[in-house]
C-alpha atoms as a PDB file:
ATOM      1  CA  MET A   1      61.475-111.791 -88.829  1.00  0.00           C
ATOM      2  CA  THR A   2      64.618-112.851 -91.128  1.00  0.00           C
ATOM      3  CA  ALA A   3      66.710-109.749 -91.371  1.00  0.00           C
ATOM      4  CA  LEU A   4      68.074-109.062 -95.161  1.00  0.00           C
ATOM      5  CA  LYS A   5      70.646-106.870 -95.191  1.00  0.00           C
ATOM      6  CA  TYR A   6      71.595-106.934 -98.740  1.00  0.00           C
ATOM      7  CA  LEU A   7      67.894-105.723 -99.463  1.00  0.00           C
ATOM      8  CA  GLN A   8      67.194-103.246 -97.551  1.00  0.00           C
ATOM      9  CA  ALA A   9      66.773-100.312 -99.808  1.00  0.00           C
ATOM     10  CA  TYR A  10      63.838-102.094-101.901  1.00  0.00           C
ATOM     11  CA  PRO A  11      60.407-102.112-100.859  1.00  0.00           C
ATOM     12  CA  ALA A  12      58.783-104.003 -97.796  1.00  0.00           C
ATOM     13  CA  SER A  13      56.763-106.114-100.312  1.00  0.00           C
ATOM     14  CA  LEU A  14      59.721-107.345-102.343  1.00  0.00           C
ATOM     15  CA  GLN A  15      61.258-108.082 -98.936  1.00  0.00           C
ATOM     16  CA  ASP A  16      58.280-110.137 -97.686  1.00  0.00           C
ATOM     17  CA  GLN A  17      58.753-112.352-101.003  1.00  0.00           C
ATOM     18  CA  VAL A  18      62.428-113.110-100.705  1.00  0.00           C
ATOM     19  CA  ARG A  19      61.194-114.149 -96.889  1.00  0.00           C
ATOM     20  CA  GLN A  20      58.856-116.329 -98.342  1.00  0.00           C
ATOM     21  CA  LEU A  21      61.220-118.068-100.695  1.00  0.00           C
ATOM     22  CA  ILE A  22      63.775-118.381 -97.532  1.00  0.00           C
ATOM     23  CA  ALA A  23      60.754-119.759 -94.864  1.00  0.00           C
ATOM     24  CA  LYS A  24      59.663-122.700 -98.117  1.00  0.00           C
ATOM     25  CA  ASP A  25      63.406-123.309 -98.858  1.00  0.00           C
ATOM     26  CA  GLN A  26      62.457-122.243-102.576  1.00  0.00           C
ATOM     27  CA  LEU A  27      65.409-119.342-102.620  1.00  0.00           C
ATOM     28  CA  SER A  28      68.261-122.080-103.855  1.00  0.00           C
ATOM     29  CA  ASP A  29      65.302-123.398-106.726  1.00  0.00           C
ATOM     30  CA  TYR A  30      64.827-119.414-107.771  1.00  0.00           C
ATOM     31  CA  LEU A  31      68.234-118.491-107.722  1.00  0.00           C
ATOM     32  CA  SER A  32      68.985-122.097-110.087  1.00  0.00           C
ATOM     33  CA  GLN A  33      65.796-121.411-112.351  1.00  0.00           C
ATOM     34  CA  ARG A  34      67.162-117.923-113.369  1.00  0.00           C
ATOM     35  CA  TYR A  35      70.702-118.250-113.639  1.00  0.00           C
ATOM     36  CA  PRO A  36      71.556-122.267-114.048  1.00  0.00           C
ATOM     37  CA  GLU A  37      75.010-121.509-115.742  1.00  0.00           C
ATOM     38  CA  ARG A  38      78.555-119.702-114.311  1.00  0.00           C
ATOM     39  CA  HIS A  39      80.830-118.105-116.038  1.00  0.00           C
ATOM     40  CA  GLY A  40      84.292-119.349-117.395  1.00  0.00           C
ATOM     41  CA  VAL A  41      86.039-115.819-116.521  1.00  0.00           C
ATOM     42  CA  GLN A  42      88.457-117.222-113.722  1.00  0.00           C
ATOM     43  CA  SER A  43      91.894-116.022-114.140  1.00  0.00           C
ATOM     44  CA  ASP A  44      92.897-111.683-113.654  1.00  0.00           C
ATOM     45  CA  LYS A  45      93.461-111.616-117.217  1.00  0.00           C
ATOM     46  CA  ALA A  46      90.370-113.507-118.485  1.00  0.00           C
ATOM     47  CA  LEU A  47      88.710-110.943-116.702  1.00  0.00           C
ATOM     48  CA  TYR A  48      90.573-107.640-118.125  1.00  0.00           C
ATOM     49  CA  SER A  49      89.620-108.980-121.338  1.00  0.00           C
ATOM     50  CA  TYR A  50      86.132-109.234-120.827  1.00  0.00           C
ATOM     51  CA  ALA A  51      85.938-105.552-118.922  1.00  0.00           C
ATOM     52  CA  GLN A  52      87.946-104.286-122.191  1.00  0.00           C
ATOM     53  CA  ALA A  53      85.552-105.777-124.181  1.00  0.00           C
ATOM     54  CA  LEU A  54      82.668-104.078-122.507  1.00  0.00           C
ATOM     55  CA  LYS A  55      84.189-100.954-122.121  1.00  0.00           C
ATOM     56  CA  GLN A  56      84.980-101.177-125.801  1.00  0.00           C
ATOM     57  CA  ASP A  57      81.379-102.084-126.858  1.00  0.00           C
ATOM     58  CA  HIS A  58      79.811 -99.469-124.890  1.00  0.00           C
ATOM     59  CA  LEU A  59      82.258 -96.919-123.307  1.00  0.00           C
ATOM     60  CA  ARG A  60      84.951 -96.129-125.724  1.00  0.00           C
ATOM     61  CA  ASN A  61      85.863 -92.439-124.846  1.00  0.00           C
ATOM     62  CA  ALA A  62      85.727 -93.247-121.200  1.00  0.00           C
ATOM     63  CA  PRO A  63      89.733 -93.052-120.060  1.00  0.00           C
ATOM     64  CA  ALA A  64      91.726 -96.509-120.364  1.00  0.00           C
ATOM     65  CA  ILE A  65      91.396 -99.241-117.879  1.00  0.00           C
ATOM     66  CA  ASP A  66      94.545-100.130-116.715  1.00  0.00           C
ATOM     67  CA  LYS A  67      94.293-103.188-114.235  1.00  0.00           C
ATOM     68  CA  VAL A  68      91.119-105.126-113.230  1.00  0.00           C
ATOM     69  CA  LEU A  69      90.819-108.353-110.785  1.00  0.00           C
ATOM     70  CA  PHE A  70      89.697-110.452-108.551  1.00  0.00           C
ATOM     71  CA  ASP A  71      90.296-108.873-105.138  1.00  0.00           C
ATOM     72  CA  ASN A  72      89.523-111.805-102.137  1.00  0.00           C
ATOM     73  CA  ARG A  73      90.162-108.524 -99.726  1.00  0.00           C
ATOM     74  CA  LEU A  74      86.863-106.732-100.836  1.00  0.00           C
ATOM     75  CA  ASP A  75      84.524-107.457 -97.623  1.00  0.00           C
ATOM     76  CA  LEU A  76      80.563-107.633 -98.525  1.00  0.00           C
ATOM     77  CA  THR A  77      79.643-106.082 -95.189  1.00  0.00           C
ATOM     78  CA  HIS A  78      80.655-102.507 -96.601  1.00  0.00           C
ATOM     79  CA  ARG A  79      78.409-103.273 -99.467  1.00  0.00           C
ATOM     80  CA  ALA A  80      81.479-103.630-101.815  1.00  0.00           C
ATOM     81  CA  LEU A  81      80.673-105.952-104.748  1.00  0.00           C
ATOM     82  CA  GLY A  82      83.207-104.415-107.075  1.00  0.00           C
ATOM     83  CA  LEU A  83      85.517-100.992-106.222  1.00  0.00           C
ATOM     84  CA  HIS A  84      87.139 -98.732-109.003  1.00  0.00           C
ATOM     85  CA  THR A  85      89.673 -96.877-107.990  1.00  0.00           C
ATOM     86  CA  THR A  86      91.993 -94.086-109.518  1.00  0.00           C
ATOM     87  CA  ILE A  87      95.795 -93.574-108.223  1.00  0.00           C
ATOM     88  CA  SER A  88      98.124 -91.022-109.307  1.00  0.00           C
ATOM     89  CA  ARG A  89     101.463 -91.299-109.284  1.00  0.00           C
ATOM     90  CA  VAL A  90     104.233 -89.304-110.076  1.00  0.00           C
ATOM     91  CA  GLN A  91     106.597 -90.007-112.931  1.00  0.00           C
ATOM     92  CA  GLY A  92     109.073 -87.969-113.875  1.00  0.00           C
ATOM     93  CA  GLY A  93     107.831 -84.601-114.082  1.00  0.00           C
ATOM     94  CA  ASN A  94     104.076 -85.509-114.763  1.00  0.00           C
ATOM     95  CA  LEU A  95     101.408 -87.072-112.959  1.00  0.00           C
ATOM     96  CA  LYS A  96     100.417 -90.313-114.447  1.00  0.00           C
ATOM     97  CA  SER A  97      96.446 -91.060-113.692  1.00  0.00           C
ATOM     98  CA  LYS A  98      95.799 -95.146-113.592  1.00  0.00           C
ATOM     99  CA  LYS A  99      92.179 -96.395-113.335  1.00  0.00           C
ATOM    100  CA  GLU A 100      91.485 -99.908-111.778  1.00  0.00           C
ATOM    101  CA  ILE A 101      88.746-102.157-111.102  1.00  0.00           C
ATOM    102  CA  ARG A 102      88.760-104.618-108.610  1.00  0.00           C
ATOM    103  CA  ILE A 103      85.503-107.533-108.319  1.00  0.00           C
ATOM    104  CA  ALA A 104      85.511-109.539-105.108  1.00  0.00           C
ATOM    105  CA  SER A 105      86.777-113.390-105.468  1.00  0.00           C
ATOM    106  CA  LEU A 106      83.128-114.993-104.740  1.00  0.00           C
ATOM    107  CA  PHE A 107      82.109-113.677-107.591  1.00  0.00           C
ATOM    108  CA  LYS A 108      84.702-116.347-109.373  1.00  0.00           C
ATOM    109  CA  ASP A 109      82.075-118.780-108.749  1.00  0.00           C
ATOM    110  CA  ALA A 110      78.405-117.038-109.389  1.00  0.00           C
ATOM    111  CA  ALA A 111      76.020-116.592-112.593  1.00  0.00           C
ATOM    112  CA  PRO A 112      77.685-114.666-115.890  1.00  0.00           C
ATOM    113  CA  GLU A 113      74.805-112.151-115.619  1.00  0.00           C
ATOM    114  CA  PHE A 114      75.942-111.673-112.101  1.00  0.00           C
ATOM    115  CA  LEU A 115      79.742-110.842-113.212  1.00  0.00           C
ATOM    116  CA  ARG A 116      78.328-108.561-116.243  1.00  0.00           C
ATOM    117  CA  MET A 117      75.857-106.610-113.946  1.00  0.00           C
ATOM    118  CA  ILE A 118      79.346-106.072-110.957  1.00  0.00           C
ATOM    119  CA  VAL A 119      81.753-105.057-114.261  1.00  0.00           C
ATOM    120  CA  VAL A 120      78.837-102.899-115.744  1.00  0.00           C
ATOM    121  CA  HIS A 121      78.634-101.014-112.612  1.00  0.00           C
ATOM    122  CA  GLU A 122      81.774-100.451-112.225  1.00  0.00           C
ATOM    123  CA  LEU A 123      82.590 -99.249-115.908  1.00  0.00           C
ATOM    124  CA  ALA A 124      79.945 -96.652-115.165  1.00  0.00           C
ATOM    125  CA  HIS A 125      81.551 -94.837-112.504  1.00  0.00           C
ATOM    126  CA  PHE A 126      84.289 -93.918-115.086  1.00  0.00           C
ATOM    127  CA  LYS A 127      81.709 -91.742-117.005  1.00  0.00           C
ATOM    128  CA  GLU A 128      79.483 -91.113-113.995  1.00  0.00           C
ATOM    129  CA  SER A 129      81.617 -91.054-110.404  1.00  0.00           C
ATOM    130  CA  ASP A 130      77.824 -90.865-108.247  1.00  0.00           C
ATOM    131  CA  HIS A 131      74.815 -92.809-107.827  1.00  0.00           C
ATOM    132  CA  ASN A 132      72.436 -90.851-110.039  1.00  0.00           C
ATOM    133  CA  LYS A 133      69.678 -91.477-112.966  1.00  0.00           C
ATOM    134  CA  ALA A 134      72.875 -90.693-115.371  1.00  0.00           C
ATOM    135  CA  PHE A 135      74.788 -93.067-113.682  1.00  0.00           C
ATOM    136  CA  TYR A 136      71.853 -96.164-113.629  1.00  0.00           C
ATOM    137  CA  LYS A 137      70.362 -95.116-117.056  1.00  0.00           C
ATOM    138  CA  LEU A 138      74.159 -96.054-118.379  1.00  0.00           C
ATOM    139  CA  CYS A 139      74.375 -99.169-116.716  1.00  0.00           C
ATOM    140  CA  GLU A 140      70.903-100.081-118.306  1.00  0.00           C
ATOM    141  CA  HIS A 141      72.416 -98.994-121.573  1.00  0.00           C
ATOM    142  CA  MET A 142      75.447-101.662-121.210  1.00  0.00           C
ATOM    143  CA  LEU A 143      73.009-104.176-119.648  1.00  0.00           C
ATOM    144  CA  PRO A 144      69.326-104.241-120.481  1.00  0.00           C
ATOM    145  CA  GLY A 145      67.020-105.731-117.419  1.00  0.00           C
ATOM    146  CA  TYR A 146      70.049-104.157-115.220  1.00  0.00           C
ATOM    147  CA  HIS A 147      67.918-103.597-111.576  1.00  0.00           C
ATOM    148  CA  GLN A 148      66.714-106.966-111.732  1.00  0.00           C
ATOM    149  CA  VAL A 149      69.770-108.041-112.072  1.00  0.00           C
ATOM    150  CA  GLU A 150      71.164-106.149-109.137  1.00  0.00           C
ATOM    151  CA  PHE A 151      68.244-107.134-107.207  1.00  0.00           C
ATOM    152  CA  ASP A 152      68.839-110.724-108.056  1.00  0.00           C
ATOM    153  CA  LEU A 153      72.489-110.361-106.876  1.00  0.00           C
ATOM    154  CA  ARG A 154      71.074-109.570-103.575  1.00  0.00           C
ATOM    155  CA  VAL A 155      68.994-111.789-103.145  1.00  0.00           C
ATOM    156  CA  TYR A 156      72.165-114.431-104.084  1.00  0.00           C
ATOM    157  CA  LEU A 157      74.037-112.643-101.530  1.00  0.00           C
ATOM    158  CA  THR A 158      71.345-113.322 -99.220  1.00  0.00           C
ATOM    159  CA  TRP A 159      71.561-116.709-100.347  1.00  0.00           C
ATOM    160  CA  ARG A 160      75.275-117.389 -99.251  1.00  0.00           C
ATOM    161  CA  ASP A 161      75.060-115.944 -96.346  1.00  0.00           C
ATOM    162  CA  LEU A 162      72.174-118.479 -95.511  1.00  0.00           C
ATOM    163  CA  GLN A 163      74.630-121.086 -96.573  1.00  0.00           C
ATOM    164  CA  VAL A 164      77.102-120.061 -94.418  1.00  0.00           C
ATOM    165  CA  LYS A 165      74.705-120.241 -91.154  1.00  0.00           C
ATOM    166  CA  THR A 166      74.006-123.311 -91.854  1.00  0.00           C
END
């Protein structure tokens, strides 16, 4: 039985469906049918603009984003597809807080839906720090069908792992 490390939290029935696609060598077909395109966001500057536009559309009252970048050091083994951080620095007599979003570099070659899902996820943390009901409701508001895209993103990561092993 194939271990599906990115899908462990999902019901066994869904995991079995993915295992069947793997056994029939149809996982790639499934993904390419659902997500045939690749996004054009390739630079940190373009990613910053992309995240700013999403924030402006959905989270106008959230804190400003100071930095958004692709990070080749994010480790998927710790389930970090993206990362949001708040860095506090002392400037003079004041404490300044900077908000950053880092997206794993492997998503430079992913479908636009996957990039949007990750950015939406990290932006939602600006309003809701925990993965609770309000957090996922906000994600769904910013990206209708969020849960399906998140599942498919995890299927994509499973497919990538299989490609590395062969």
